[in-house]
Amino acid sequence: MKEEEINENSPEIKPNEKDGSDPKENTRSKIATLYLWCFFAVILLVFITGCCKDFGVDDYKDLILTVSGVLTGPLGFIVGYYFKASKE
């Protein structure tokens, strides 16, 4: 096959409208990533605090449940938003 025939038969590649060049989408993505890193940092901080203060298993459980109960709602919203956006 000649190169001309390949170019004529190959489909056109159109740029994706959601290629990430939108400044608002980039900002949302950065905020979501920052929230995720902060979520894990707070969980790590809970474990470090527990080690320093010699917490028992029940104390760890209570602290993790409290912290994750507060932070998991917004985390679920963020993850749900981005998985929904990736399907569209």
N, C-alpha and C. Protein backbone atom coordinates (compact mmCIF):
# COMPACT_ATOMS: atom_id res chain seq x y z
N MET A 1 0.84 -1.19 0.00
CA MET A 1 0.00 0.00 0.00
C MET A 1 0.87 1.25 0.00
N LYS A 2 0.39 2.18 -0.70
CA LYS A 2 1.11 3.45 -0.73
C LYS A 2 0.72 4.29 0.46
N GLU A 3 1.58 5.21 0.77
CA GLU A 3 1.32 6.08 1.92
C GLU A 3 0.09 6.94 1.70
N GLU A 4 -0.19 7.32 0.47
CA GLU A 4 -1.36 8.13 0.17
C GLU A 4 -2.64 7.35 0.45
N GLU A 5 -2.65 6.04 0.11
CA GLU A 5 -3.83 5.22 0.34
C GLU A 5 -4.10 5.07 1.84
N ILE A 6 -3.05 4.94 2.61
CA ILE A 6 -3.22 4.81 4.06
C ILE A 6 -3.82 6.08 4.64
N ASN A 7 -3.33 7.22 4.20
CA ASN A 7 -3.84 8.50 4.71
C ASN A 7 -5.29 8.72 4.32
N GLU A 8 -5.70 8.26 3.14
CA GLU A 8 -7.07 8.43 2.69
C GLU A 8 -8.02 7.53 3.48
N ASN A 9 -7.57 6.36 3.83
CA ASN A 9 -8.43 5.39 4.50
C ASN A 9 -8.42 5.53 6.02
N SER A 10 -7.45 6.18 6.56
CA SER A 10 -7.37 6.29 8.02
C SER A 10 -8.37 7.34 8.52
N PRO A 11 -9.00 7.07 9.65
CA PRO A 11 -9.99 8.03 10.17
C PRO A 11 -9.29 9.27 10.71
N GLU A 12 -10.06 10.34 10.67
CA GLU A 12 -9.53 11.58 11.22
C GLU A 12 -9.53 11.50 12.74
N ILE A 13 -8.49 12.01 13.33
CA ILE A 13 -8.41 12.05 14.79
C ILE A 13 -8.79 13.45 15.22
N LYS A 14 -9.89 13.52 15.94
CA LYS A 14 -10.38 14.81 16.39
C LYS A 14 -9.92 15.03 17.83
N PRO A 15 -9.55 16.24 18.16
CA PRO A 15 -9.13 16.50 19.54
C PRO A 15 -10.29 16.30 20.50
N ASN A 16 -9.99 15.74 21.62
CA ASN A 16 -10.99 15.50 22.66
C ASN A 16 -11.34 16.82 23.32
N GLU A 17 -12.63 17.03 23.53
CA GLU A 17 -13.06 18.27 24.15
C GLU A 17 -12.65 18.34 25.61
N LYS A 18 -12.51 17.18 26.25
CA LYS A 18 -12.14 17.13 27.66
C LYS A 18 -10.67 16.70 27.79
N ASP A 19 -9.79 17.38 27.11
CA ASP A 19 -8.39 16.99 27.14
C ASP A 19 -7.64 17.57 28.33
N GLY A 20 -8.31 18.23 29.23
CA GLY A 20 -7.67 18.75 30.42
C GLY A 20 -7.11 20.15 30.24
N SER A 21 -7.41 20.80 29.12
CA SER A 21 -6.88 22.13 28.90
C SER A 21 -7.76 23.21 29.54
N ASP A 22 -8.90 22.81 30.06
CA ASP A 22 -9.81 23.74 30.71
C ASP A 22 -9.24 24.13 32.07
N PRO A 23 -9.01 25.41 32.32
CA PRO A 23 -8.43 25.83 33.61
C PRO A 23 -9.31 25.47 34.81
N LYS A 24 -10.63 25.52 34.65
CA LYS A 24 -11.51 25.16 35.76
C LYS A 24 -11.35 23.69 36.12
N GLU A 25 -11.27 22.84 35.10
CA GLU A 25 -11.11 21.40 35.34
C GLU A 25 -9.76 21.11 35.98
N ASN A 26 -8.73 21.81 35.56
CA ASN A 26 -7.41 21.62 36.17
C ASN A 26 -7.43 22.03 37.63
N THR A 27 -8.12 23.11 37.94
CA THR A 27 -8.22 23.56 39.33
C THR A 27 -9.00 22.56 40.17
N ARG A 28 -10.09 22.04 39.64
CA ARG A 28 -10.87 21.03 40.36
C ARG A 28 -10.04 19.79 40.61
N SER A 29 -9.29 19.40 39.62
CA SER A 29 -8.44 18.21 39.76
C SER A 29 -7.38 18.42 40.83
N LYS A 30 -6.79 19.59 40.86
CA LYS A 30 -5.77 19.89 41.87
C LYS A 30 -6.36 19.91 43.27
N ILE A 31 -7.56 20.47 43.41
CA ILE A 31 -8.22 20.50 44.71
C ILE A 31 -8.55 19.09 45.17
N ALA A 32 -9.05 18.25 44.26
CA ALA A 32 -9.38 16.87 44.61
C ALA A 32 -8.13 16.09 45.01
N THR A 33 -7.05 16.28 44.29
CA THR A 33 -5.80 15.60 44.62
C THR A 33 -5.28 16.08 45.97
N LEU A 34 -5.34 17.36 46.22
CA LEU A 34 -4.91 17.90 47.50
C LEU A 34 -5.75 17.34 48.64
N TYR A 35 -7.05 17.26 48.45
CA TYR A 35 -7.93 16.71 49.48
C TYR A 35 -7.58 15.25 49.77
N LEU A 36 -7.32 14.50 48.72
CA LEU A 36 -6.98 13.09 48.89
C LEU A 36 -5.68 12.93 49.67
N TRP A 37 -4.66 13.70 49.33
CA TRP A 37 -3.39 13.64 50.06
C TRP A 37 -3.58 14.08 51.51
N CYS A 38 -4.36 15.09 51.74
CA CYS A 38 -4.61 15.55 53.11
C CYS A 38 -5.39 14.50 53.91
N PHE A 39 -6.30 13.80 53.26
CA PHE A 39 -7.06 12.73 53.92
C PHE A 39 -6.10 11.67 54.46
N PHE A 40 -5.19 11.22 53.60
CA PHE A 40 -4.23 10.20 54.03
C PHE A 40 -3.24 10.75 55.06
N ALA A 41 -2.90 12.02 54.94
CA ALA A 41 -2.00 12.63 55.93
C ALA A 41 -2.66 12.69 57.30
N VAL A 42 -3.94 12.98 57.35
CA VAL A 42 -4.66 13.03 58.64
C VAL A 42 -4.74 11.63 59.25
N ILE A 43 -4.99 10.62 58.42
CA ILE A 43 -5.02 9.24 58.92
C ILE A 43 -3.65 8.86 59.47
N LEU A 44 -2.59 9.22 58.77
CA LEU A 44 -1.23 8.95 59.24
C LEU A 44 -0.96 9.70 60.54
N LEU A 45 -1.42 10.94 60.63
CA LEU A 45 -1.25 11.73 61.84
C LEU A 45 -1.95 11.08 63.03
N VAL A 46 -3.10 10.48 62.78
CA VAL A 46 -3.82 9.76 63.84
C VAL A 46 -2.97 8.60 64.36
N PHE A 47 -2.37 7.86 63.46
CA PHE A 47 -1.53 6.74 63.88
C PHE A 47 -0.28 7.23 64.63
N ILE A 48 0.32 8.30 64.17
CA ILE A 48 1.51 8.84 64.86
C ILE A 48 1.13 9.34 66.25
N THR A 49 0.00 10.03 66.34
CA THR A 49 -0.47 10.51 67.65
C THR A 49 -0.72 9.34 68.59
N GLY A 50 -1.31 8.28 68.06
CA GLY A 50 -1.57 7.10 68.86
C GLY A 50 -0.30 6.44 69.36
N CYS A 51 0.72 6.40 68.51
CA CYS A 51 2.00 5.82 68.93
C CYS A 51 2.66 6.65 70.02
N CYS A 52 2.59 7.96 69.89
CA CYS A 52 3.22 8.85 70.88
C CYS A 52 2.50 8.80 72.22
N LYS A 53 1.21 8.60 72.21
CA LYS A 53 0.43 8.62 73.45
C LYS A 53 0.07 7.22 73.94
N ASP A 54 0.64 6.18 73.33
CA ASP A 54 0.41 4.79 73.71
C ASP A 54 -1.07 4.44 73.78
N PHE A 55 -1.77 4.67 72.65
CA PHE A 55 -3.18 4.33 72.58
C PHE A 55 -3.35 2.82 72.54
N GLY A 56 -4.48 2.38 73.04
CA GLY A 56 -4.86 0.98 72.92
C GLY A 56 -5.64 0.78 71.64
N VAL A 57 -6.01 -0.45 71.37
CA VAL A 57 -6.73 -0.77 70.14
C VAL A 57 -8.08 -0.04 70.11
N ASP A 58 -8.77 0.00 71.23
CA ASP A 58 -10.08 0.67 71.27
C ASP A 58 -9.94 2.17 71.03
N ASP A 59 -8.88 2.77 71.55
CA ASP A 59 -8.65 4.20 71.32
C ASP A 59 -8.39 4.50 69.85
N TYR A 60 -7.56 3.64 69.21
CA TYR A 60 -7.32 3.79 67.77
C TYR A 60 -8.62 3.67 66.99
N LYS A 61 -9.40 2.68 67.33
CA LYS A 61 -10.66 2.44 66.62
C LYS A 61 -11.57 3.65 66.72
N ASP A 62 -11.72 4.18 67.92
CA ASP A 62 -12.58 5.34 68.10
C ASP A 62 -12.09 6.56 67.34
N LEU A 63 -10.78 6.79 67.39
CA LEU A 63 -10.21 7.95 66.70
C LEU A 63 -10.33 7.81 65.19
N ILE A 64 -10.01 6.63 64.66
CA ILE A 64 -10.12 6.42 63.21
C ILE A 64 -11.58 6.53 62.75
N LEU A 65 -12.50 5.99 63.52
CA LEU A 65 -13.91 6.09 63.14
C LEU A 65 -14.38 7.55 63.13
N THR A 66 -13.93 8.30 64.10
CA THR A 66 -14.33 9.71 64.17
C THR A 66 -13.77 10.50 62.99
N VAL A 67 -12.47 10.35 62.75
CA VAL A 67 -11.82 11.10 61.67
C VAL A 67 -12.35 10.67 60.31
N SER A 68 -12.45 9.36 60.09
CA SER A 68 -12.92 8.91 58.79
C SER A 68 -14.40 9.24 58.58
N GLY A 69 -15.18 9.27 59.64
CA GLY A 69 -16.58 9.64 59.52
C GLY A 69 -16.76 11.07 59.04
N VAL A 70 -15.87 11.94 59.49
CA VAL A 70 -15.94 13.34 59.09
C VAL A 70 -15.41 13.54 57.68
N LEU A 71 -14.33 12.87 57.33
CA LEU A 71 -13.66 13.14 56.06
C LEU A 71 -14.12 12.26 54.90
N THR A 72 -14.78 11.15 55.16
CA THR A 72 -15.15 10.23 54.08
C THR A 72 -16.29 10.76 53.22
N GLY A 73 -17.20 11.52 53.79
CA GLY A 73 -18.31 12.08 53.00
C GLY A 73 -17.83 12.93 51.83
N PRO A 74 -17.03 13.96 52.10
CA PRO A 74 -16.51 14.76 50.98
C PRO A 74 -15.61 13.96 50.04
N LEU A 75 -14.86 12.99 50.58
CA LEU A 75 -14.01 12.16 49.73
C LEU A 75 -14.86 11.34 48.77
N GLY A 76 -15.96 10.79 49.25
CA GLY A 76 -16.86 10.04 48.38
C GLY A 76 -17.47 10.91 47.30
N PHE A 77 -17.81 12.13 47.65
CA PHE A 77 -18.35 13.07 46.66
C PHE A 77 -17.32 13.37 45.57
N ILE A 78 -16.08 13.61 45.97
CA ILE A 78 -15.02 13.93 45.01
C ILE A 78 -14.75 12.75 44.09
N VAL A 79 -14.60 11.56 44.66
CA VAL A 79 -14.33 10.37 43.84
C VAL A 79 -15.51 10.09 42.91
N GLY A 80 -16.74 10.20 43.41
CA GLY A 80 -17.92 9.98 42.58
C GLY A 80 -18.01 10.97 41.43
N TYR A 81 -17.68 12.20 41.70
CA TYR A 81 -17.72 13.24 40.66
C TYR A 81 -16.75 12.91 39.54
N TYR A 82 -15.53 12.54 39.90
CA TYR A 82 -14.53 12.30 38.87
C TYR A 82 -14.74 10.99 38.12
N PHE A 83 -15.27 9.95 38.77
CA PHE A 83 -15.58 8.74 38.04
C PHE A 83 -16.76 8.96 37.11
N LYS A 84 -17.73 9.76 37.52
CA LYS A 84 -18.86 10.07 36.66
C LYS A 84 -18.37 10.88 35.47
N ALA A 85 -17.48 11.85 35.70
CA ALA A 85 -16.98 12.69 34.63
C ALA A 85 -16.14 11.89 33.64
N SER A 86 -15.43 10.86 34.11
CA SER A 86 -14.59 10.07 33.20
C SER A 86 -15.43 9.17 32.30
N LYS A 87 -16.65 8.82 32.71
CA LYS A 87 -17.52 7.97 31.89
C LYS A 87 -18.19 8.76 30.77
N GLU A 88 -18.35 10.04 30.95
CA GLU A 88 -19.07 10.85 29.95
C GLU A 88 -18.23 11.16 28.75
